[in-house]
């Protein structure tokens, strides 16, 4: 999950849903 979170972090800038799903 950690490795994936880093990749999603970049998209998080324009994807708030990622943070919500990641918790």
PDB file of N, CA and C in Angstrom:
ATOM      1  N   UNK A   1       0.843  -1.216   0.000  1.00  0.00           N
ATOM      2  CA  UNK A   1       0.000   0.000   0.000  1.00  0.00           C
ATOM      3  C   UNK A   1       0.876   1.264   0.000  1.00  0.00           C
ATOM      4  N   UNK A   2       1.960   1.208   0.736  1.00  0.00           N
ATOM      5  CA  UNK A   2       2.846   2.390   0.809  1.00  0.00           C
ATOM      6  C   UNK A   2       3.334   2.777  -0.584  1.00  0.00           C
ATOM      7  N   UNK A   3       3.831   1.802  -1.310  1.00  0.00           N
ATOM      8  CA  UNK A   3       4.352   2.083  -2.653  1.00  0.00           C
ATOM      9  C   UNK A   3       3.256   2.659  -3.540  1.00  0.00           C
ATOM     10  N   UNK A   4       2.050   2.144  -3.367  1.00  0.00           N
ATOM     11  CA  UNK A   4       0.950   2.612  -4.212  1.00  0.00           C
ATOM     12  C   UNK A   4       0.541   4.028  -3.794  1.00  0.00           C
ATOM     13  N   UNK A   5       0.582   4.282  -2.515  1.00  0.00           N
ATOM     14  CA  UNK A   5       0.162   5.598  -2.019  1.00  0.00           C
ATOM     15  C   UNK A   5       1.020   6.691  -2.657  1.00  0.00           C
ATOM     16  N   UNK A   6       2.310   6.458  -2.775  1.00  0.00           N
ATOM     17  CA  UNK A   6       3.218   7.456  -3.352  1.00  0.00           C
ATOM     18  C   UNK A   6       2.780   7.803  -4.776  1.00  0.00           C
ATOM     19  N   UNK A   7       2.436   6.767  -5.530  1.00  0.00           N
ATOM     20  CA  UNK A   7       2.032   6.987  -6.924  1.00  0.00           C
ATOM     21  C   UNK A   7       0.708   7.753  -6.970  1.00  0.00           C
ATOM     22  N   UNK A   8      -0.209   7.393  -6.095  1.00  0.00           N
ATOM     23  CA  UNK A   8      -1.515   8.063  -6.070  1.00  0.00           C
ATOM     24  C   UNK A   8      -1.379   9.488  -5.545  1.00  0.00           C
ATOM     25  N   UNK A   9      -0.389   9.696  -4.689  1.00  0.00           N
ATOM     26  CA  UNK A   9      -0.192  11.028  -4.109  1.00  0.00           C
ATOM     27  C   UNK A   9      -0.094  12.073  -5.217  1.00  0.00           C
ATOM     28  N   UNK A  10       0.579  11.733  -6.307  1.00  0.00           N
ATOM     29  CA  UNK A  10       0.732  12.682  -7.414  1.00  0.00           C
ATOM     30  C   UNK A  10      -0.628  12.998  -8.019  1.00  0.00           C
ATOM     31  N   UNK A  11      -1.480  11.973  -8.153  1.00  0.00           N
ATOM     32  CA  UNK A  11      -2.808  12.194  -8.731  1.00  0.00           C
ATOM     33  C   UNK A  11      -3.733  12.873  -7.723  1.00  0.00           C
ATOM     34  N   UNK A  12      -3.420  12.721  -6.461  1.00  0.00           N
ATOM     35  CA  UNK A  12      -4.263  13.294  -5.404  1.00  0.00           C
ATOM     36  C   UNK A  12      -4.458  14.794  -5.620  1.00  0.00           C
ATOM     37  N   UNK A  13      -3.486  15.427  -6.266  1.00  0.00           N
ATOM     38  CA  UNK A  13      -3.570  16.872  -6.499  1.00  0.00           C
ATOM     39  C   UNK A  13      -4.893  17.222  -7.179  1.00  0.00           C
ATOM     40  N   UNK A  14      -5.352  16.372  -8.064  1.00  0.00           N
ATOM     41  CA  UNK A  14      -6.612  16.645  -8.766  1.00  0.00           C
ATOM     42  C   UNK A  14      -7.582  15.489  -8.573  1.00  0.00           C
ATOM     43  N   UNK A  15      -7.312  14.646  -7.534  1.00  0.00           N
ATOM     44  CA  UNK A  15      -8.209  13.501  -7.273  1.00  0.00           C
ATOM     45  C   UNK A  15      -8.384  13.347  -5.764  1.00  0.00           C
ATOM     46  N   UNK A  16      -9.340  14.022  -5.198  1.00  0.00           N
ATOM     47  CA  UNK A  16      -9.567  13.951  -3.749  1.00  0.00           C
ATOM     48  C   UNK A  16     -10.098  12.575  -3.359  1.00  0.00           C
ATOM     49  N   UNK A  17     -10.714  11.879  -4.320  1.00  0.00           N
ATOM     50  CA  UNK A  17     -11.281  10.558  -4.018  1.00  0.00           C
ATOM     51  C   UNK A  17     -10.197   9.599  -3.545  1.00  0.00           C
ATOM     52  N   UNK A  18      -8.974   9.765  -4.056  1.00  0.00           N
ATOM     53  CA  UNK A  18      -7.877   8.874  -3.694  1.00  0.00           C
ATOM     54  C   UNK A  18      -7.628   8.935  -2.183  1.00  0.00           C
ATOM     55  N   UNK A  19      -7.581  10.131  -1.653  1.00  0.00           N
ATOM     56  CA  UNK A  19      -7.304  10.284  -0.226  1.00  0.00           C
ATOM     57  C   UNK A  19      -8.426   9.659   0.600  1.00  0.00           C
ATOM     58  N   UNK A  20      -9.660   9.840   0.149  1.00  0.00           N
ATOM     59  CA  UNK A  20     -10.809   9.294   0.868  1.00  0.00           C
ATOM     60  C   UNK A  20     -10.728   7.771   0.902  1.00  0.00           C
ATOM     61  N   UNK A  21     -10.361   7.172  -0.213  1.00  0.00           N
ATOM     62  CA  UNK A  21     -10.282   5.705  -0.297  1.00  0.00           C
ATOM     63  C   UNK A  21      -9.087   5.202   0.510  1.00  0.00           C
ATOM     64  N   UNK A  22      -7.983   5.945   0.452  1.00  0.00           N
ATOM     65  CA  UNK A  22      -6.775   5.543   1.155  1.00  0.00           C
ATOM     66  C   UNK A  22      -6.988   5.663   2.667  1.00  0.00           C
ATOM     67  N   UNK A  23      -7.927   6.514   3.038  1.00  0.00           N
ATOM     68  CA  UNK A  23      -8.282   6.609   4.434  1.00  0.00           C
ATOM     69  C   UNK A  23      -7.597   7.707   5.161  1.00  0.00           C
TER      70      UNK A  23
END
